[in-house]
Amino acid sequence: MQLRATALLTTCAIGASLALGSFIVMSPRAYGAPQQCSAKNLSGRYVFSGQGTHLHEGAFAFDGNGTFTGKQTSVRETNSAQRETLHGTYTLDADCTGVMVMEGQLGGTAHWDIFVTEDGKKGRMVRTDAGTSGVRDFVR
């Protein structure tokens, strides 16, 4: 009788170990390891909306290697809309934060801090140039 109980307990322990081992091996973030971001997290077409001194709506196309292109329509003090063609560079650190340098808008070069979700589907930008303000949200 004691031998049978020992065998049953051993079988249960082996089964539980196999099940737990399978879960750990198949888990995409085993042991809670943080995902590492890079420029590749931003790839594809994103639409954005933002405001600050002016109102801006548009789209970016990120190449996954640190450059982007885009178009935006901006409404400024005169309440007239102006379409602008954008281009620039970006970097993303391992913690999914980074910087973006944008050319092509009225007023010249714009510098931004960017914050991106780990899956790369959403982001937020905050303008860092002195004497300006602006935020933009973008989504794939």
N, C-alpha and C. Protein backbone atom coordinates (compact mmCIF):
# COMPACT_ATOMS: atom_id res chain seq x y z
N MET A 1 0.81 -1.18 0.00
CA MET A 1 0.00 0.00 0.00
C MET A 1 0.86 1.25 0.00
N GLN A 2 1.89 1.27 0.83
CA GLN A 2 2.77 2.41 0.91
C GLN A 2 3.52 2.58 -0.42
N LEU A 3 3.88 1.52 -1.08
CA LEU A 3 4.57 1.55 -2.36
C LEU A 3 3.68 2.19 -3.43
N ARG A 4 2.39 1.85 -3.41
CA ARG A 4 1.44 2.38 -4.37
C ARG A 4 1.28 3.90 -4.14
N ALA A 5 1.20 4.36 -2.91
CA ALA A 5 1.07 5.79 -2.58
C ALA A 5 2.32 6.54 -3.02
N THR A 6 3.49 5.93 -2.80
CA THR A 6 4.74 6.55 -3.23
C THR A 6 4.79 6.68 -4.74
N ALA A 7 4.38 5.66 -5.44
CA ALA A 7 4.35 5.70 -6.91
C ALA A 7 3.40 6.76 -7.41
N LEU A 8 2.24 6.87 -6.78
CA LEU A 8 1.25 7.89 -7.18
C LEU A 8 1.79 9.29 -6.94
N LEU A 9 2.40 9.51 -5.80
CA LEU A 9 2.98 10.83 -5.51
C LEU A 9 4.12 11.16 -6.47
N THR A 10 4.94 10.17 -6.79
CA THR A 10 6.04 10.38 -7.73
C THR A 10 5.51 10.74 -9.11
N THR A 11 4.48 10.04 -9.56
CA THR A 11 3.86 10.32 -10.86
C THR A 11 3.29 11.72 -10.89
N CYS A 12 2.60 12.13 -9.83
CA CYS A 12 2.04 13.49 -9.75
C CYS A 12 3.15 14.54 -9.77
N ALA A 13 4.22 14.30 -9.05
CA ALA A 13 5.32 15.27 -9.00
C ALA A 13 5.98 15.41 -10.36
N ILE A 14 6.17 14.29 -11.07
CA ILE A 14 6.77 14.35 -12.40
C ILE A 14 5.85 15.09 -13.36
N GLY A 15 4.55 14.81 -13.30
CA GLY A 15 3.58 15.49 -14.17
C GLY A 15 3.55 16.99 -13.92
N ALA A 16 3.55 17.38 -12.65
CA ALA A 16 3.53 18.80 -12.31
C ALA A 16 4.81 19.49 -12.79
N SER A 17 5.95 18.81 -12.64
CA SER A 17 7.21 19.38 -13.10
C SER A 17 7.22 19.57 -14.60
N LEU A 18 6.71 18.60 -15.35
CA LEU A 18 6.64 18.72 -16.80
C LEU A 18 5.72 19.86 -17.21
N ALA A 19 4.58 19.98 -16.55
CA ALA A 19 3.64 21.05 -16.89
C ALA A 19 4.26 22.42 -16.61
N LEU A 20 4.89 22.58 -15.46
CA LEU A 20 5.52 23.85 -15.11
C LEU A 20 6.68 24.16 -16.05
N GLY A 21 7.47 23.15 -16.37
CA GLY A 21 8.59 23.34 -17.29
C GLY A 21 8.12 23.77 -18.67
N SER A 22 7.03 23.17 -19.15
CA SER A 22 6.48 23.56 -20.46
C SER A 22 6.00 24.99 -20.44
N PHE A 23 5.37 25.40 -19.34
CA PHE A 23 4.88 26.77 -19.24
C PHE A 23 6.04 27.77 -19.29
N ILE A 24 7.10 27.48 -18.56
CA ILE A 24 8.25 28.40 -18.51
C ILE A 24 8.93 28.48 -19.87
N VAL A 25 9.10 27.36 -20.54
CA VAL A 25 9.76 27.35 -21.85
C VAL A 25 8.93 28.08 -22.89
N MET A 26 7.60 27.93 -22.85
CA MET A 26 6.73 28.55 -23.85
C MET A 26 6.38 29.99 -23.52
N SER A 27 6.65 30.44 -22.32
CA SER A 27 6.33 31.80 -21.93
C SER A 27 7.18 32.79 -22.72
N PRO A 28 6.55 33.79 -23.39
CA PRO A 28 7.33 34.71 -24.22
C PRO A 28 8.27 35.60 -23.42
N ARG A 29 7.99 35.84 -22.16
CA ARG A 29 8.85 36.68 -21.34
C ARG A 29 9.23 35.92 -20.08
N ALA A 30 9.87 34.79 -20.26
CA ALA A 30 10.25 33.95 -19.14
C ALA A 30 11.02 34.74 -18.10
N TYR A 31 10.70 34.51 -16.86
CA TYR A 31 11.36 35.14 -15.71
C TYR A 31 11.20 36.66 -15.70
N GLY A 32 10.19 37.20 -16.40
CA GLY A 32 9.91 38.63 -16.37
C GLY A 32 10.95 39.50 -17.04
N ALA A 33 11.72 38.95 -17.97
CA ALA A 33 12.75 39.73 -18.66
C ALA A 33 12.11 40.85 -19.45
N PRO A 34 12.55 42.10 -19.30
CA PRO A 34 11.96 43.21 -20.04
C PRO A 34 12.31 43.14 -21.53
N GLN A 35 11.36 43.59 -22.34
CA GLN A 35 11.61 43.64 -23.78
C GLN A 35 12.60 44.76 -24.08
N GLN A 36 13.46 44.56 -25.04
CA GLN A 36 14.43 45.56 -25.44
C GLN A 36 13.93 46.30 -26.67
N CYS A 37 13.75 47.60 -26.58
CA CYS A 37 13.32 48.40 -27.72
C CYS A 37 14.52 48.83 -28.55
N SER A 38 14.24 49.12 -29.81
CA SER A 38 15.24 49.68 -30.72
C SER A 38 14.46 50.40 -31.82
N ALA A 39 15.16 50.97 -32.77
CA ALA A 39 14.50 51.67 -33.88
C ALA A 39 13.51 50.75 -34.60
N LYS A 40 13.73 49.45 -34.55
CA LYS A 40 12.85 48.49 -35.22
C LYS A 40 11.44 48.49 -34.64
N ASN A 41 11.28 48.93 -33.38
CA ASN A 41 9.95 48.97 -32.79
C ASN A 41 9.03 49.95 -33.50
N LEU A 42 9.61 50.95 -34.17
CA LEU A 42 8.81 51.88 -34.97
C LEU A 42 9.02 51.53 -36.43
N SER A 43 8.02 50.91 -37.01
CA SER A 43 8.11 50.52 -38.41
C SER A 43 6.71 50.51 -39.00
N GLY A 44 6.55 51.19 -40.10
CA GLY A 44 5.24 51.23 -40.75
C GLY A 44 4.60 52.61 -40.67
N ARG A 45 3.31 52.63 -41.01
CA ARG A 45 2.57 53.90 -41.09
C ARG A 45 1.80 54.15 -39.80
N TYR A 46 1.89 55.37 -39.31
CA TYR A 46 1.22 55.81 -38.09
C TYR A 46 0.47 57.10 -38.40
N VAL A 47 -0.69 57.29 -37.83
CA VAL A 47 -1.39 58.57 -37.92
C VAL A 47 -1.17 59.31 -36.60
N PHE A 48 -1.15 60.63 -36.66
CA PHE A 48 -0.92 61.40 -35.44
C PHE A 48 -1.85 62.59 -35.35
N SER A 49 -1.97 63.06 -34.13
CA SER A 49 -2.76 64.24 -33.81
C SER A 49 -2.01 64.96 -32.71
N GLY A 50 -1.97 66.28 -32.79
CA GLY A 50 -1.27 67.00 -31.75
C GLY A 50 -1.56 68.48 -31.74
N GLN A 51 -1.14 69.08 -30.66
CA GLN A 51 -1.31 70.53 -30.53
C GLN A 51 -0.26 71.08 -29.60
N GLY A 52 -0.20 72.34 -29.59
CA GLY A 52 0.72 73.12 -28.78
C GLY A 52 0.43 74.54 -29.14
N THR A 53 1.41 75.19 -29.75
CA THR A 53 1.16 76.52 -30.27
C THR A 53 0.18 76.46 -31.44
N HIS A 54 0.16 75.33 -32.17
CA HIS A 54 -0.69 75.14 -33.35
C HIS A 54 -1.34 73.77 -33.29
N LEU A 55 -2.28 73.52 -34.20
CA LEU A 55 -2.95 72.23 -34.30
C LEU A 55 -2.36 71.47 -35.49
N HIS A 56 -2.05 70.18 -35.31
CA HIS A 56 -1.43 69.38 -36.37
C HIS A 56 -2.11 68.02 -36.46
N GLU A 57 -2.37 67.57 -37.67
CA GLU A 57 -2.89 66.23 -37.96
C GLU A 57 -2.08 65.69 -39.12
N GLY A 58 -1.73 64.39 -39.08
CA GLY A 58 -0.95 63.87 -40.19
C GLY A 58 -0.60 62.41 -40.05
N ALA A 59 0.40 61.99 -40.81
CA ALA A 59 0.86 60.59 -40.81
C ALA A 59 2.37 60.53 -40.94
N PHE A 60 2.96 59.56 -40.25
CA PHE A 60 4.38 59.26 -40.35
C PHE A 60 4.54 57.88 -40.98
N ALA A 61 5.64 57.68 -41.68
CA ALA A 61 6.05 56.35 -42.13
C ALA A 61 7.46 56.12 -41.59
N PHE A 62 7.59 55.25 -40.58
CA PHE A 62 8.88 54.92 -39.98
C PHE A 62 9.47 53.72 -40.70
N ASP A 63 10.77 53.74 -40.97
CA ASP A 63 11.40 52.65 -41.72
C ASP A 63 11.98 51.54 -40.85
N GLY A 64 11.94 51.67 -39.52
CA GLY A 64 12.50 50.65 -38.65
C GLY A 64 14.01 50.73 -38.49
N ASN A 65 14.64 51.69 -39.18
CA ASN A 65 16.10 51.85 -39.13
C ASN A 65 16.53 53.24 -38.68
N GLY A 66 15.59 54.09 -38.25
CA GLY A 66 15.97 55.39 -37.72
C GLY A 66 15.63 56.58 -38.59
N THR A 67 14.92 56.39 -39.69
CA THR A 67 14.47 57.54 -40.49
C THR A 67 12.96 57.44 -40.72
N PHE A 68 12.36 58.59 -41.00
CA PHE A 68 10.93 58.63 -41.25
C PHE A 68 10.60 59.71 -42.27
N THR A 69 9.44 59.58 -42.86
CA THR A 69 8.85 60.61 -43.71
C THR A 69 7.43 60.82 -43.23
N GLY A 70 6.80 61.90 -43.68
CA GLY A 70 5.43 62.13 -43.27
C GLY A 70 4.83 63.35 -43.93
N LYS A 71 3.56 63.53 -43.66
CA LYS A 71 2.82 64.72 -44.10
C LYS A 71 1.94 65.15 -42.95
N GLN A 72 1.75 66.47 -42.85
CA GLN A 72 0.84 66.99 -41.85
C GLN A 72 0.11 68.20 -42.39
N THR A 73 -1.07 68.40 -41.85
CA THR A 73 -1.80 69.63 -42.09
C THR A 73 -1.78 70.39 -40.78
N SER A 74 -1.36 71.64 -40.82
CA SER A 74 -1.22 72.47 -39.62
C SER A 74 -2.14 73.67 -39.72
N VAL A 75 -2.79 73.99 -38.61
CA VAL A 75 -3.60 75.20 -38.52
C VAL A 75 -2.90 76.13 -37.55
N ARG A 76 -2.53 77.30 -38.06
CA ARG A 76 -1.78 78.26 -37.26
C ARG A 76 -2.65 79.47 -36.91
N GLU A 77 -2.03 80.52 -36.36
CA GLU A 77 -2.75 81.69 -35.87
C GLU A 77 -3.73 82.27 -36.89
N THR A 78 -3.41 82.19 -38.14
CA THR A 78 -4.26 82.80 -39.18
C THR A 78 -5.48 81.94 -39.49
N ASN A 79 -5.60 80.77 -38.83
CA ASN A 79 -6.67 79.81 -39.07
C ASN A 79 -6.68 79.28 -40.49
N SER A 80 -5.57 79.41 -41.17
CA SER A 80 -5.47 78.81 -42.50
C SER A 80 -4.68 77.52 -42.38
N ALA A 81 -5.13 76.50 -43.09
CA ALA A 81 -4.45 75.20 -43.05
C ALA A 81 -3.30 75.19 -44.04
N GLN A 82 -2.22 74.59 -43.62
CA GLN A 82 -1.05 74.47 -44.49
C GLN A 82 -0.58 73.03 -44.45
N ARG A 83 -0.38 72.44 -45.62
CA ARG A 83 0.11 71.06 -45.71
C ARG A 83 1.63 71.10 -45.80
N GLU A 84 2.29 70.22 -45.03
CA GLU A 84 3.74 70.19 -44.97
C GLU A 84 4.24 68.77 -45.16
N THR A 85 5.35 68.64 -45.87
CA THR A 85 6.01 67.34 -46.06
C THR A 85 7.14 67.25 -45.06
N LEU A 86 7.16 66.17 -44.28
CA LEU A 86 8.10 66.01 -43.18
C LEU A 86 9.11 64.91 -43.48
N HIS A 87 10.26 65.00 -42.84
CA HIS A 87 11.26 63.93 -42.87
C HIS A 87 12.20 64.13 -41.70
N GLY A 88 12.90 63.07 -41.33
CA GLY A 88 13.84 63.22 -40.22
C GLY A 88 14.38 61.89 -39.74
N THR A 89 14.92 61.94 -38.52
CA THR A 89 15.55 60.78 -37.91
C THR A 89 14.97 60.55 -36.51
N TYR A 90 15.15 59.32 -36.02
CA TYR A 90 14.74 59.00 -34.67
C TYR A 90 15.63 57.90 -34.11
N THR A 91 15.71 57.85 -32.79
CA THR A 91 16.38 56.77 -32.09
C THR A 91 15.46 56.31 -30.96
N LEU A 92 15.56 55.04 -30.62
CA LEU A 92 14.84 54.49 -29.46
C LEU A 92 15.82 53.73 -28.60
N ASP A 93 15.82 54.04 -27.31
CA ASP A 93 16.65 53.32 -26.35
C ASP A 93 15.95 52.03 -25.93
N ALA A 94 16.66 51.19 -25.20
CA ALA A 94 16.13 49.90 -24.77
C ALA A 94 14.84 50.04 -23.95
N ASP A 95 14.66 51.19 -23.27
CA ASP A 95 13.46 51.38 -22.45
C ASP A 95 12.30 51.99 -23.22
N CYS A 96 12.38 52.03 -24.54
CA CYS A 96 11.32 52.52 -25.45
C CYS A 96 11.11 54.03 -25.37
N THR A 97 12.14 54.76 -24.94
CA THR A 97 12.13 56.22 -25.01
C THR A 97 13.22 56.63 -25.99
N GLY A 98 13.07 57.82 -26.56
CA GLY A 98 14.08 58.24 -27.51
C GLY A 98 13.91 59.68 -27.93
N VAL A 99 14.53 60.01 -29.05
CA VAL A 99 14.47 61.37 -29.59
C VAL A 99 14.15 61.31 -31.08
N MET A 100 13.59 62.42 -31.55
CA MET A 100 13.21 62.54 -32.95
C MET A 100 13.58 63.95 -33.40
N VAL A 101 14.16 64.06 -34.59
CA VAL A 101 14.49 65.36 -35.19
C VAL A 101 13.69 65.44 -36.48
N MET A 102 12.82 66.47 -36.56
CA MET A 102 11.90 66.60 -37.68
C MET A 102 12.20 67.85 -38.50
N GLU A 103 12.26 67.65 -39.82
CA GLU A 103 12.47 68.74 -40.77
C GLU A 103 11.21 68.86 -41.64
N GLY A 104 11.02 70.05 -42.22
CA GLY A 104 9.97 70.22 -43.21
C GLY A 104 8.78 71.04 -42.76
N GLN A 105 8.67 71.32 -41.49
CA GLN A 105 7.54 72.13 -41.05
C GLN A 105 7.93 73.60 -41.01
N LEU A 106 6.94 74.45 -41.11
CA LEU A 106 7.17 75.88 -41.03
C LEU A 106 7.87 76.18 -39.70
N GLY A 107 8.91 76.95 -39.71
CA GLY A 107 9.65 77.25 -38.50
C GLY A 107 10.93 76.45 -38.37
N GLY A 108 11.16 75.51 -39.27
CA GLY A 108 12.43 74.80 -39.29
C GLY A 108 12.46 73.52 -38.49
N THR A 109 13.65 73.15 -38.08
CA THR A 109 13.90 71.89 -37.39
C THR A 109 13.21 71.85 -36.03
N ALA A 110 12.56 70.71 -35.74
CA ALA A 110 11.90 70.51 -34.45
C ALA A 110 12.49 69.29 -33.76
N HIS A 111 12.72 69.41 -32.46
CA HIS A 111 13.29 68.32 -31.65
C HIS A 111 12.23 67.82 -30.68
N TRP A 112 12.16 66.49 -30.55
CA TRP A 112 11.12 65.85 -29.75
C TRP A 112 11.71 64.75 -28.89
N ASP A 113 11.16 64.58 -27.69
CA ASP A 113 11.36 63.36 -26.92
C ASP A 113 10.19 62.45 -27.28
N ILE A 114 10.46 61.15 -27.49
CA ILE A 114 9.40 60.24 -27.86
C ILE A 114 9.32 59.09 -26.86
N PHE A 115 8.11 58.58 -26.69
CA PHE A 115 7.81 57.50 -25.76
C PHE A 115 6.92 56.51 -26.50
N VAL A 116 7.37 55.26 -26.60
CA VAL A 116 6.70 54.27 -27.44
C VAL A 116 6.33 53.05 -26.61
N THR A 117 5.17 52.45 -26.88
CA THR A 117 4.80 51.22 -26.20
C THR A 117 5.73 50.09 -26.66
N GLU A 118 5.88 49.06 -25.82
CA GLU A 118 6.79 47.96 -26.15
C GLU A 118 6.42 47.27 -27.45
N ASP A 119 5.12 47.21 -27.77
CA ASP A 119 4.71 46.56 -29.01
C ASP A 119 4.85 47.48 -30.22
N GLY A 120 5.22 48.74 -30.00
CA GLY A 120 5.45 49.67 -31.10
C GLY A 120 4.19 50.19 -31.77
N LYS A 121 3.03 49.97 -31.19
CA LYS A 121 1.78 50.38 -31.83
C LYS A 121 1.37 51.81 -31.52
N LYS A 122 1.85 52.36 -30.42
CA LYS A 122 1.46 53.71 -30.01
C LYS A 122 2.66 54.48 -29.49
N GLY A 123 2.57 55.80 -29.59
CA GLY A 123 3.62 56.64 -29.05
C GLY A 123 3.13 58.03 -28.73
N ARG A 124 3.95 58.75 -28.01
CA ARG A 124 3.66 60.13 -27.63
C ARG A 124 4.94 60.92 -27.82
N MET A 125 4.80 62.16 -28.28
CA MET A 125 5.95 63.03 -28.52
C MET A 125 5.76 64.32 -27.72
N VAL A 126 6.87 64.86 -27.21
CA VAL A 126 6.86 66.14 -26.50
C VAL A 126 7.97 66.99 -27.09
N ARG A 127 7.61 68.18 -27.57
CA ARG A 127 8.61 69.06 -28.19
C ARG A 127 9.54 69.62 -27.14
N THR A 128 10.84 69.66 -27.46
CA THR A 128 11.84 70.09 -26.49
C THR A 128 12.57 71.37 -26.87
N ASP A 129 12.21 72.00 -27.99
CA ASP A 129 12.86 73.25 -28.39
C ASP A 129 12.43 74.38 -27.47
N ALA A 130 13.39 75.23 -27.08
CA ALA A 130 13.10 76.37 -26.21
C ALA A 130 12.11 77.31 -26.88
N GLY A 131 11.17 77.84 -26.11
CA GLY A 131 10.22 78.81 -26.62
C GLY A 131 9.06 78.21 -27.40
N THR A 132 8.97 76.89 -27.44
CA THR A 132 7.87 76.22 -28.14
C THR A 132 7.21 75.22 -27.20
N SER A 133 6.02 74.82 -27.58
CA SER A 133 5.36 73.74 -26.84
C SER A 133 4.62 72.89 -27.85
N GLY A 134 4.48 71.64 -27.53
CA GLY A 134 3.73 70.76 -28.40
C GLY A 134 3.77 69.33 -27.92
N VAL A 135 2.67 68.64 -28.14
CA VAL A 135 2.57 67.21 -27.88
C VAL A 135 1.84 66.58 -29.05
N ARG A 136 2.18 65.34 -29.34
CA ARG A 136 1.50 64.58 -30.38
C ARG A 136 1.37 63.14 -29.92
N ASP A 137 0.25 62.55 -30.26
CA ASP A 137 0.04 61.12 -30.05
C ASP A 137 0.03 60.47 -31.41
N PHE A 138 0.67 59.30 -31.54
CA PHE A 138 0.63 58.59 -32.82
C PHE A 138 0.29 57.12 -32.58
N VAL A 139 -0.37 56.53 -33.58
CA VAL A 139 -0.84 55.15 -33.47
C VAL A 139 -0.76 54.47 -34.83
N ARG A 140 -0.39 53.19 -34.82
CA ARG A 140 -0.30 52.41 -36.06
C ARG A 140 -1.66 51.88 -36.40
